[in-house]
Amino acid sequence: QVQLVESGGGLVQPGVSLRLSCAASGFSFRSYAMNWYRQAPGQERELMAGISSIGGITNYADAVKGRFTISRDNAKRTVYLQMNSLKPEDTAVYYCNARRGSDNYWGQGTQVTVSS
């Protein structure tokens, strides 16, 4: 059974950092590209960061480039999203995604709220 379980979200003030984690099970983690998406209220789900299965090549949305860092630990079957200098506009539900060919798996999401 495929599972992606996100953790690490919460309510924080602007300017602080958070690290999200996504623990994977039930599929060959190291052979999947891993992504973090987010969805704000009333908005579509958007890709924020991705990391390839081979070589760990990363890509970022312009909105988070230079502030967010995606990484993966294949031994722990976990992907991370380090989020620095958080802004109120980063408030959203953050989703972990695993993709390989036609396989496309999603976690349940974790809420991140940035507010003073």
Protein backbone atom coordinates (compact mmCIF):
# COMPACT_ATOMS: atom_id res chain seq x y z
CA GLN A 1 0.00 0.00 0.00
CA VAL A 2 1.43 3.33 -1.10
CA GLN A 3 1.68 5.95 1.62
CA LEU A 4 3.08 9.46 1.71
CA VAL A 5 2.86 11.05 5.14
CA GLU A 6 3.71 14.72 5.52
CA SER A 7 4.67 16.35 8.81
CA GLY A 8 6.23 19.54 10.11
CA GLY A 9 3.57 22.11 9.29
CA GLY A 10 2.25 24.65 11.75
CA LEU A 11 1.55 28.28 12.59
CA VAL A 12 4.61 30.50 12.44
CA GLN A 13 5.47 34.19 12.28
CA PRO A 14 6.85 35.82 9.15
CA GLY A 15 10.59 35.45 8.71
CA VAL A 16 11.03 32.15 10.52
CA SER A 17 11.87 28.73 9.11
CA LEU A 18 10.08 25.40 8.95
CA ARG A 19 11.12 22.00 7.65
CA LEU A 20 8.52 19.72 6.17
CA SER A 21 9.09 15.98 5.92
CA CYS A 22 7.38 13.35 3.80
CA ALA A 23 7.85 9.69 4.72
CA ALA A 24 7.19 7.26 1.88
CA SER A 25 6.31 3.58 1.88
CA GLY A 26 4.83 0.98 -0.44
CA PHE A 27 6.80 1.82 -3.60
CA SER A 28 10.36 2.00 -4.86
CA PHE A 29 11.15 5.42 -3.43
CA ARG A 30 14.60 5.90 -4.96
CA SER A 31 13.26 5.47 -8.50
CA TYR A 32 10.61 8.19 -8.19
CA ALA A 33 10.90 11.91 -8.67
CA MET A 34 9.60 13.67 -5.58
CA ASN A 35 7.79 16.99 -5.48
CA TRP A 36 6.24 19.46 -3.09
CA TYR A 37 3.08 21.25 -4.13
CA ARG A 38 0.99 23.75 -2.27
CA GLN A 39 -2.60 24.90 -2.45
CA ALA A 40 -3.84 28.12 -0.91
CA PRO A 41 -7.56 28.71 -0.25
CA GLY A 42 -9.40 29.35 -3.49
CA GLN A 43 -6.33 28.64 -5.60
CA GLU A 44 -5.12 25.74 -7.69
CA ARG A 45 -2.48 23.34 -6.48
CA GLU A 46 0.95 24.53 -7.65
CA LEU A 47 4.34 22.87 -7.93
CA MET A 48 6.83 24.55 -5.60
CA ALA A 49 9.86 22.24 -5.72
CA GLY A 50 10.97 18.98 -7.28
CA ILE A 51 13.92 16.62 -7.04
CA SER A 52 14.79 13.94 -9.56
CA SER A 53 15.25 10.27 -8.82
CA ILE A 54 18.73 10.15 -10.31
CA GLY A 55 21.30 12.81 -9.65
CA GLY A 56 19.12 14.77 -7.24
CA ILE A 57 18.47 17.52 -9.76
CA THR A 58 16.23 20.17 -8.23
CA ASN A 59 13.85 22.76 -9.58
CA TYR A 60 11.85 25.50 -7.91
CA ALA A 61 8.99 27.83 -8.58
CA ASP A 62 10.04 31.46 -8.86
CA ALA A 63 8.00 32.32 -5.76
CA VAL A 64 10.21 30.19 -3.50
CA LYS A 65 13.56 30.14 -5.31
CA GLY A 66 16.35 31.08 -2.93
CA ARG A 67 14.18 30.53 0.17
CA PHE A 68 13.09 26.88 -0.08
CA THR A 69 15.32 23.83 -0.48
CA ILE A 70 14.15 20.34 -1.39
CA SER A 71 16.24 17.30 -0.50
CA ARG A 72 15.83 13.56 -0.24
CA ASP A 73 17.27 10.76 1.86
CA ASN A 74 16.78 7.51 -0.05
CA ALA A 75 17.95 5.41 2.90
CA LYS A 76 15.19 6.93 5.06
CA ARG A 77 12.69 7.04 2.19
CA THR A 78 12.01 10.65 3.08
CA VAL A 79 11.86 13.92 1.19
CA TYR A 80 12.25 17.27 2.91
CA LEU A 81 11.34 20.87 2.21
CA GLN A 82 13.38 23.43 4.12
CA MET A 83 11.47 26.70 4.10
CA ASN A 84 13.30 29.85 5.17
CA SER A 85 12.22 33.48 5.41
CA LEU A 86 8.57 32.49 5.38
CA LYS A 87 6.03 35.04 4.18
CA PRO A 88 2.27 35.30 4.75
CA GLU A 89 1.77 34.40 1.09
CA ASP A 90 3.39 31.02 1.77
CA THR A 91 0.29 30.08 3.76
CA ALA A 92 -1.18 26.95 2.18
CA VAL A 93 -1.62 23.22 2.49
CA TYR A 94 1.60 21.57 1.37
CA TYR A 95 1.41 18.23 -0.43
CA CYS A 96 4.07 15.64 -1.09
CA ASN A 97 3.97 13.96 -4.51
CA ALA A 98 5.77 10.96 -5.99
CA ARG A 99 5.89 10.51 -9.74
CA ARG A 100 7.28 7.93 -12.17
CA GLY A 101 5.77 7.45 -15.59
CA SER A 102 2.03 7.05 -15.12
CA ASP A 103 2.38 6.53 -11.36
CA ASN A 104 1.37 9.64 -9.45
CA TYR A 105 0.96 9.45 -5.66
CA TRP A 106 -0.13 12.11 -3.18
CA GLY A 107 0.06 12.63 0.54
CA GLN A 108 -2.77 14.03 2.65
CA GLY A 109 -1.14 17.44 3.07
CA THR A 110 0.11 19.50 5.98
CA GLN A 111 -1.06 23.03 6.79
CA VAL A 112 1.45 25.86 6.93
CA THR A 113 0.17 29.19 8.21
CA VAL A 114 2.42 32.25 8.28
CA SER A 115 0.92 35.06 10.31
CA SER A 116 1.89 37.65 12.88
